[in-house]
């Protein structure tokens, strides 16, 4: 069995010393820099003003979370509903080791998790997962184990990482992570957005880098 799948099962089933060993196995996985995709989704307030929630939150070192993505091609419609029911209160943050190639997004944020306070890091690392190919997960949704549902959320064809949080770990679909270390733009990023991102970079004293010009 894949070592990371075995670790997932052990964290949800083992007790005491064995659980501590399972947590120790993955303790350093999160302790590095990761990339998150920028988001230009917007909402309107009661006065009709447009708000770019991701950008506005970023000013305060707050990151928006999303519902975990399910790779629906691997499941029946009944299984998809089952997964959604048991993960209703979960939210996720998708983390990349590097800027995704051929992405439609035109800006990215680098987060440096080595900058977290120890207590903050300890509250997150157990919720960090590396994504795994479907064939390696051996999913059995007939088993009444929550880790089987978690397996369904970490399926990806392209390697990446996830932090999956329960409702007592976030507020209003957000998490405070003032650990921005770089902001990446490309040649398609609008001038107005660049100016906004530069304001954020000045606040956090980090670089804005055009990754296309720098051949990232």
C-alpha atoms as a PDB file:
ATOM      1  CA  UNK A   1       0.000   0.000   0.000  1.00  0.00           C
ATOM      2  CA  UNK A   2       1.151   3.541  -0.766  1.00  0.00           C
ATOM      3  CA  UNK A   3       2.944   4.891   2.350  1.00  0.00           C
ATOM      4  CA  UNK A   4       0.949   8.117   2.321  1.00  0.00           C
ATOM      5  CA  UNK A   5      -2.352   6.228   2.072  1.00  0.00           C
ATOM      6  CA  UNK A   6      -1.285   4.021   4.961  1.00  0.00           C
ATOM      7  CA  UNK A   7      -0.390   7.137   6.958  1.00  0.00           C
ATOM      8  CA  UNK A   8      -3.846   8.599   6.284  1.00  0.00           C
ATOM      9  CA  UNK A   9      -5.518   5.441   7.576  1.00  0.00           C
ATOM     10  CA  UNK A  10      -3.293   5.301  10.645  1.00  0.00           C
ATOM     11  CA  UNK A  11      -4.083   8.895  11.622  1.00  0.00           C
ATOM     12  CA  UNK A  12      -7.798   8.156  11.587  1.00  0.00           C
ATOM     13  CA  UNK A  13      -7.624   4.728  13.250  1.00  0.00           C
ATOM     14  CA  UNK A  14      -4.633   4.500  15.552  1.00  0.00           C
ATOM     15  CA  UNK A  15      -4.382   5.604  19.157  1.00  0.00           C
ATOM     16  CA  UNK A  16      -1.694   6.965  21.481  1.00  0.00           C
ATOM     17  CA  UNK A  17       1.880   5.944  20.504  1.00  0.00           C
ATOM     18  CA  UNK A  18       0.917   4.644  17.055  1.00  0.00           C
ATOM     19  CA  UNK A  19      -0.966   7.855  16.294  1.00  0.00           C
ATOM     20  CA  UNK A  20       2.026   9.929  17.385  1.00  0.00           C
ATOM     21  CA  UNK A  21       4.242   7.934  15.031  1.00  0.00           C
ATOM     22  CA  UNK A  22       1.820   8.495  12.166  1.00  0.00           C
ATOM     23  CA  UNK A  23       1.748  12.252  12.824  1.00  0.00           C
ATOM     24  CA  UNK A  24       5.535  12.394  13.134  1.00  0.00           C
ATOM     25  CA  UNK A  25       5.832  10.745   9.706  1.00  0.00           C
ATOM     26  CA  UNK A  26       4.126  13.721   8.029  1.00  0.00           C
ATOM     27  CA  UNK A  27       5.208  16.500  10.405  1.00  0.00           C
ATOM     28  CA  UNK A  28       7.556  18.270   7.972  1.00  0.00           C
ATOM     29  CA  UNK A  29       5.468  17.940   4.811  1.00  0.00           C
ATOM     30  CA  UNK A  30       3.953  21.409   5.252  1.00  0.00           C
ATOM     31  CA  UNK A  31       7.171  23.094   6.391  1.00  0.00           C
ATOM     32  CA  UNK A  32       8.086  24.769   3.077  1.00  0.00           C
ATOM     33  CA  UNK A  33       6.848  27.287   0.519  1.00  0.00           C
ATOM     34  CA  UNK A  34       3.780  26.593  -1.600  1.00  0.00           C
ATOM     35  CA  UNK A  35       1.922  28.373  -4.391  1.00  0.00           C
ATOM     36  CA  UNK A  36      -1.805  29.157  -4.389  1.00  0.00           C
ATOM     37  CA  UNK A  37      -3.823  30.360  -7.362  1.00  0.00           C
ATOM     38  CA  UNK A  38      -5.133  33.912  -7.417  1.00  0.00           C
ATOM     39  CA  UNK A  39      -8.865  34.475  -7.568  1.00  0.00           C
ATOM     40  CA  UNK A  40     -10.812  37.328  -9.161  1.00  0.00           C
ATOM     41  CA  UNK A  41     -14.299  36.143  -8.239  1.00  0.00           C
ATOM     42  CA  UNK A  42     -16.431  39.008  -6.978  1.00  0.00           C
ATOM     43  CA  UNK A  43     -19.622  39.698  -5.055  1.00  0.00           C
ATOM     44  CA  UNK A  44     -21.866  42.738  -4.659  1.00  0.00           C
ATOM     45  CA  UNK A  45     -22.790  44.244  -1.316  1.00  0.00           C
ATOM     46  CA  UNK A  46     -26.188  45.733  -0.428  1.00  0.00           C
ATOM     47  CA  UNK A  47     -25.130  49.059  -1.932  1.00  0.00           C
ATOM     48  CA  UNK A  48     -24.239  47.475  -5.236  1.00  0.00           C
ATOM     49  CA  UNK A  49     -20.492  47.844  -4.747  1.00  0.00           C
ATOM     50  CA  UNK A  50     -18.311  45.124  -6.250  1.00  0.00           C
ATOM     51  CA  UNK A  51     -15.912  43.298  -3.924  1.00  0.00           C
ATOM     52  CA  UNK A  52     -13.060  41.037  -4.982  1.00  0.00           C
ATOM     53  CA  UNK A  53     -13.103  38.841  -1.895  1.00  0.00           C
ATOM     54  CA  UNK A  54      -9.768  37.088  -2.446  1.00  0.00           C
ATOM     55  CA  UNK A  55      -7.899  40.368  -3.030  1.00  0.00           C
ATOM     56  CA  UNK A  56      -9.553  42.206  -0.149  1.00  0.00           C
ATOM     57  CA  UNK A  57      -8.839  39.333   2.241  1.00  0.00           C
ATOM     58  CA  UNK A  58      -5.243  39.129   1.057  1.00  0.00           C
ATOM     59  CA  UNK A  59      -4.647  42.696   2.280  1.00  0.00           C
ATOM     60  CA  UNK A  60      -5.207  41.393   5.805  1.00  0.00           C
ATOM     61  CA  UNK A  61      -3.204  38.187   5.419  1.00  0.00           C
ATOM     62  CA  UNK A  62      -6.384  36.153   5.154  1.00  0.00           C
ATOM     63  CA  UNK A  63      -6.807  33.349   2.617  1.00  0.00           C
ATOM     64  CA  UNK A  64     -10.142  32.211   1.210  1.00  0.00           C
ATOM     65  CA  UNK A  65     -10.978  28.524   1.373  1.00  0.00           C
ATOM     66  CA  UNK A  66     -13.109  26.536  -1.055  1.00  0.00           C
ATOM     67  CA  UNK A  67     -15.210  23.406  -1.004  1.00  0.00           C
ATOM     68  CA  UNK A  68     -12.929  20.438  -1.682  1.00  0.00           C
ATOM     69  CA  UNK A  69     -12.956  19.505  -5.344  1.00  0.00           C
ATOM     70  CA  UNK A  70     -14.226  16.028  -6.202  1.00  0.00           C
ATOM     71  CA  UNK A  71     -12.911  14.301  -9.323  1.00  0.00           C
ATOM     72  CA  UNK A  72     -16.389  13.184 -10.332  1.00  0.00           C
ATOM     73  CA  UNK A  73     -15.321  10.979 -13.231  1.00  0.00           C
ATOM     74  CA  UNK A  74     -14.320   8.260 -10.755  1.00  0.00           C
ATOM     75  CA  UNK A  75     -17.652   8.023  -8.948  1.00  0.00           C
ATOM     76  CA  UNK A  76     -21.313   7.291  -9.582  1.00  0.00           C
ATOM     77  CA  UNK A  77     -23.861  10.042  -8.972  1.00  0.00           C
ATOM     78  CA  UNK A  78     -24.933   8.327  -5.730  1.00  0.00           C
ATOM     79  CA  UNK A  79     -21.331   8.147  -4.543  1.00  0.00           C
ATOM     80  CA  UNK A  80     -20.829  11.837  -5.321  1.00  0.00           C
ATOM     81  CA  UNK A  81     -23.861  12.754  -3.216  1.00  0.00           C
ATOM     82  CA  UNK A  82     -22.571  10.517  -0.413  1.00  0.00           C
ATOM     83  CA  UNK A  83     -19.168  12.216  -0.481  1.00  0.00           C
ATOM     84  CA  UNK A  84     -20.710  15.695  -0.522  1.00  0.00           C
ATOM     85  CA  UNK A  85     -22.970  14.839   2.415  1.00  0.00           C
ATOM     86  CA  UNK A  86     -20.114  13.653   4.626  1.00  0.00           C
ATOM     87  CA  UNK A  87     -17.803  16.519   3.651  1.00  0.00           C
ATOM     88  CA  UNK A  88     -20.391  19.300   3.869  1.00  0.00           C
ATOM     89  CA  UNK A  89     -18.497  21.188   6.591  1.00  0.00           C
ATOM     90  CA  UNK A  90     -15.024  20.716   5.133  1.00  0.00           C
ATOM     91  CA  UNK A  91     -13.128  23.418   3.255  1.00  0.00           C
ATOM     92  CA  UNK A  92      -9.808  23.175   1.457  1.00  0.00           C
ATOM     93  CA  UNK A  93      -6.808  25.170   0.321  1.00  0.00           C
ATOM     94  CA  UNK A  94      -5.047  23.823  -2.770  1.00  0.00           C
ATOM     95  CA  UNK A  95      -1.271  24.187  -2.663  1.00  0.00           C
ATOM     96  CA  UNK A  96       1.161  23.728  -5.539  1.00  0.00           C
ATOM     97  CA  UNK A  97       4.880  23.026  -5.350  1.00  0.00           C
ATOM     98  CA  UNK A  98       5.358  25.295  -8.369  1.00  0.00           C
ATOM     99  CA  UNK A  99       3.272  27.506 -10.637  1.00  0.00           C
ATOM    100  CA  UNK A 100       0.946  25.226 -12.647  1.00  0.00           C
ATOM    101  CA  UNK A 101       1.760  25.134 -16.342  1.00  0.00           C
ATOM    102  CA  UNK A 102      -0.954  26.251 -18.777  1.00  0.00           C
ATOM    103  CA  UNK A 103      -3.026  27.747 -15.961  1.00  0.00           C
ATOM    104  CA  UNK A 104      -5.766  30.231 -16.874  1.00  0.00           C
ATOM    105  CA  UNK A 105      -4.972  32.262 -13.762  1.00  0.00           C
ATOM    106  CA  UNK A 106      -2.777  35.312 -14.219  1.00  0.00           C
ATOM    107  CA  UNK A 107      -1.477  35.722 -10.694  1.00  0.00           C
ATOM    108  CA  UNK A 108      -0.320  33.466  -7.895  1.00  0.00           C
ATOM    109  CA  UNK A 109       0.637  33.874  -4.255  1.00  0.00           C
ATOM    110  CA  UNK A 110       3.537  32.120  -2.573  1.00  0.00           C
ATOM    111  CA  UNK A 111       2.982  31.210   1.077  1.00  0.00           C
ATOM    112  CA  UNK A 112       5.937  30.379   3.312  1.00  0.00           C
ATOM    113  CA  UNK A 113       4.707  27.969   5.977  1.00  0.00           C
ATOM    114  CA  UNK A 114       8.105  28.027   7.686  1.00  0.00           C
ATOM    115  CA  UNK A 115       7.063  31.473   8.975  1.00  0.00           C
ATOM    116  CA  UNK A 116       4.163  30.102  11.011  1.00  0.00           C
ATOM    117  CA  UNK A 117       4.335  30.204  14.772  1.00  0.00           C
ATOM    118  CA  UNK A 118       4.850  26.719  16.197  1.00  0.00           C
ATOM    119  CA  UNK A 119       1.333  26.579  17.634  1.00  0.00           C
ATOM    120  CA  UNK A 120      -0.147  27.597  14.268  1.00  0.00           C
ATOM    121  CA  UNK A 121       1.945  25.036  12.414  1.00  0.00           C
ATOM    122  CA  UNK A 122       0.950  22.293  14.838  1.00  0.00           C
ATOM    123  CA  UNK A 123      -2.704  23.121  14.294  1.00  0.00           C
ATOM    124  CA  UNK A 124      -2.367  22.677  10.525  1.00  0.00           C
ATOM    125  CA  UNK A 125       0.156  20.008   9.613  1.00  0.00           C
ATOM    126  CA  UNK A 126      -2.101  17.032  10.365  1.00  0.00           C
ATOM    127  CA  UNK A 127      -4.634  18.479   7.913  1.00  0.00           C
ATOM    128  CA  UNK A 128      -2.098  18.589   5.078  1.00  0.00           C
ATOM    129  CA  UNK A 129      -2.361  15.952   2.348  1.00  0.00           C
ATOM    130  CA  UNK A 130      -0.407  15.187  -0.771  1.00  0.00           C
ATOM    131  CA  UNK A 131      -2.686  14.289  -3.650  1.00  0.00           C
ATOM    132  CA  UNK A 132      -2.597  10.738  -4.953  1.00  0.00           C
ATOM    133  CA  UNK A 133      -3.621   9.003  -8.167  1.00  0.00           C
ATOM    134  CA  UNK A 134      -7.001   7.258  -7.984  1.00  0.00           C
ATOM    135  CA  UNK A 135      -5.578   3.794  -8.682  1.00  0.00           C
ATOM    136  CA  UNK A 136      -3.333   3.993  -5.613  1.00  0.00           C
ATOM    137  CA  UNK A 137      -6.080   4.885  -3.138  1.00  0.00           C
ATOM    138  CA  UNK A 138      -8.140   1.652  -3.098  1.00  0.00           C
ATOM    139  CA  UNK A 139     -11.323   3.514  -2.110  1.00  0.00           C
ATOM    140  CA  UNK A 140     -14.143   1.521  -0.546  1.00  0.00           C
ATOM    141  CA  UNK A 141     -17.132   3.741   0.260  1.00  0.00           C
ATOM    142  CA  UNK A 142     -19.031   0.769   1.686  1.00  0.00           C
ATOM    143  CA  UNK A 143     -16.747   0.901   4.710  1.00  0.00           C
ATOM    144  CA  UNK A 144     -18.029   3.245   7.473  1.00  0.00           C
ATOM    145  CA  UNK A 145     -14.646   4.917   7.885  1.00  0.00           C
ATOM    146  CA  UNK A 146     -14.234   8.666   7.436  1.00  0.00           C
ATOM    147  CA  UNK A 147     -10.786   8.237   5.921  1.00  0.00           C
ATOM    148  CA  UNK A 148     -12.409   6.560   2.912  1.00  0.00           C
ATOM    149  CA  UNK A 149     -14.244   9.835   2.240  1.00  0.00           C
ATOM    150  CA  UNK A 150     -11.047  11.844   2.735  1.00  0.00           C
ATOM    151  CA  UNK A 151      -9.398   9.627   0.120  1.00  0.00           C
ATOM    152  CA  UNK A 152     -12.018  10.842  -2.358  1.00  0.00           C
ATOM    153  CA  UNK A 153     -10.922  14.454  -1.838  1.00  0.00           C
ATOM    154  CA  UNK A 154      -7.210  13.928  -2.475  1.00  0.00           C
ATOM    155  CA  UNK A 155      -7.502  12.378  -5.933  1.00  0.00           C
ATOM    156  CA  UNK A 156      -5.649  14.377  -8.567  1.00  0.00           C
ATOM    157  CA  UNK A 157      -4.043  13.492 -11.886  1.00  0.00           C
ATOM    158  CA  UNK A 158      -1.563  16.322 -11.429  1.00  0.00           C
ATOM    159  CA  UNK A 159       0.471  16.241  -8.230  1.00  0.00           C
ATOM    160  CA  UNK A 160      -0.399  18.944  -5.765  1.00  0.00           C
ATOM    161  CA  UNK A 161      -1.250  19.307  -2.095  1.00  0.00           C
ATOM    162  CA  UNK A 162      -4.261  20.134   0.042  1.00  0.00           C
ATOM    163  CA  UNK A 163      -5.035  21.469   3.475  1.00  0.00           C
ATOM    164  CA  UNK A 164      -8.483  20.194   4.458  1.00  0.00           C
ATOM    165  CA  UNK A 165     -10.091  21.892   7.447  1.00  0.00           C
ATOM    166  CA  UNK A 166     -13.147  21.213   9.590  1.00  0.00           C
ATOM    167  CA  UNK A 167     -15.593  23.971  10.536  1.00  0.00           C
ATOM    168  CA  UNK A 168     -13.951  24.638  13.910  1.00  0.00           C
ATOM    169  CA  UNK A 169     -10.709  25.533  12.089  1.00  0.00           C
ATOM    170  CA  UNK A 170     -11.958  28.373   9.898  1.00  0.00           C
ATOM    171  CA  UNK A 171     -14.169  31.445  10.202  1.00  0.00           C
ATOM    172  CA  UNK A 172     -16.451  32.601   7.385  1.00  0.00           C
ATOM    173  CA  UNK A 173     -14.681  30.303   4.889  1.00  0.00           C
ATOM    174  CA  UNK A 174     -11.336  31.971   5.662  1.00  0.00           C
ATOM    175  CA  UNK A 175      -8.088  31.268   7.473  1.00  0.00           C
ATOM    176  CA  UNK A 176      -5.523  33.747   8.770  1.00  0.00           C
ATOM    177  CA  UNK A 177      -2.175  33.066   7.064  1.00  0.00           C
ATOM    178  CA  UNK A 178      -0.048  36.261   7.020  1.00  0.00           C
ATOM    179  CA  UNK A 179       2.854  34.371   5.440  1.00  0.00           C
ATOM    180  CA  UNK A 180       2.904  35.806   1.913  1.00  0.00           C
ATOM    181  CA  UNK A 181       6.469  35.533   0.584  1.00  0.00           C
ATOM    182  CA  UNK A 182       6.088  36.359  -3.136  1.00  0.00           C
ATOM    183  CA  UNK A 183       3.437  37.465  -5.594  1.00  0.00           C
ATOM    184  CA  UNK A 184       3.661  36.157  -9.144  1.00  0.00           C
ATOM    185  CA  UNK A 185       2.090  37.832 -12.170  1.00  0.00           C
ATOM    186  CA  UNK A 186       2.354  37.201 -15.904  1.00  0.00           C
ATOM    187  CA  UNK A 187       2.089  39.195 -19.110  1.00  0.00           C
ATOM    188  CA  UNK A 188      -1.714  38.947 -19.090  1.00  0.00           C
ATOM    189  CA  UNK A 189      -2.135  40.484 -15.641  1.00  0.00           C
ATOM    190  CA  UNK A 190      -3.950  43.803 -16.006  1.00  0.00           C
ATOM    191  CA  UNK A 191      -2.182  47.017 -15.019  1.00  0.00           C
ATOM    192  CA  UNK A 192      -4.861  47.776 -12.428  1.00  0.00           C
ATOM    193  CA  UNK A 193      -4.465  44.356 -10.821  1.00  0.00           C
ATOM    194  CA  UNK A 194      -0.668  44.718 -10.829  1.00  0.00           C
ATOM    195  CA  UNK A 195      -1.010  48.017  -8.967  1.00  0.00           C
ATOM    196  CA  UNK A 196      -3.272  46.394  -6.387  1.00  0.00           C
ATOM    197  CA  UNK A 197      -0.908  43.470  -5.932  1.00  0.00           C
ATOM    198  CA  UNK A 198       2.005  45.878  -5.565  1.00  0.00           C
ATOM    199  CA  UNK A 199       0.148  47.570  -2.702  1.00  0.00           C
ATOM    200  CA  UNK A 200      -0.187  44.193  -1.007  1.00  0.00           C
ATOM    201  CA  UNK A 201       3.478  43.393  -1.685  1.00  0.00           C
ATOM    202  CA  UNK A 202       4.528  46.669  -0.067  1.00  0.00           C
ATOM    203  CA  UNK A 203       2.498  45.887   3.013  1.00  0.00           C
ATOM    204  CA  UNK A 204       4.096  42.453   3.423  1.00  0.00           C
ATOM    205  CA  UNK A 205       7.507  43.585   2.091  1.00  0.00           C
ATOM    206  CA  UNK A 206       7.661  40.940  -0.623  1.00  0.00           C
ATOM    207  CA  UNK A 207       8.508  40.910  -4.328  1.00  0.00           C
ATOM    208  CA  UNK A 208       6.114  40.992  -7.275  1.00  0.00           C
ATOM    209  CA  UNK A 209       7.644  38.804  -9.979  1.00  0.00           C
ATOM    210  CA  UNK A 210       6.615  38.306 -13.591  1.00  0.00           C
ATOM    211  CA  UNK A 211       7.206  34.571 -13.857  1.00  0.00           C
ATOM    212  CA  UNK A 212       6.974  34.580 -17.658  1.00  0.00           C
ATOM    213  CA  UNK A 213       9.771  37.150 -17.960  1.00  0.00           C
ATOM    214  CA  UNK A 214      11.840  35.174 -15.465  1.00  0.00           C
ATOM    215  CA  UNK A 215      11.172  31.797 -17.132  1.00  0.00           C
ATOM    216  CA  UNK A 216       9.700  30.182 -14.050  1.00  0.00           C
END
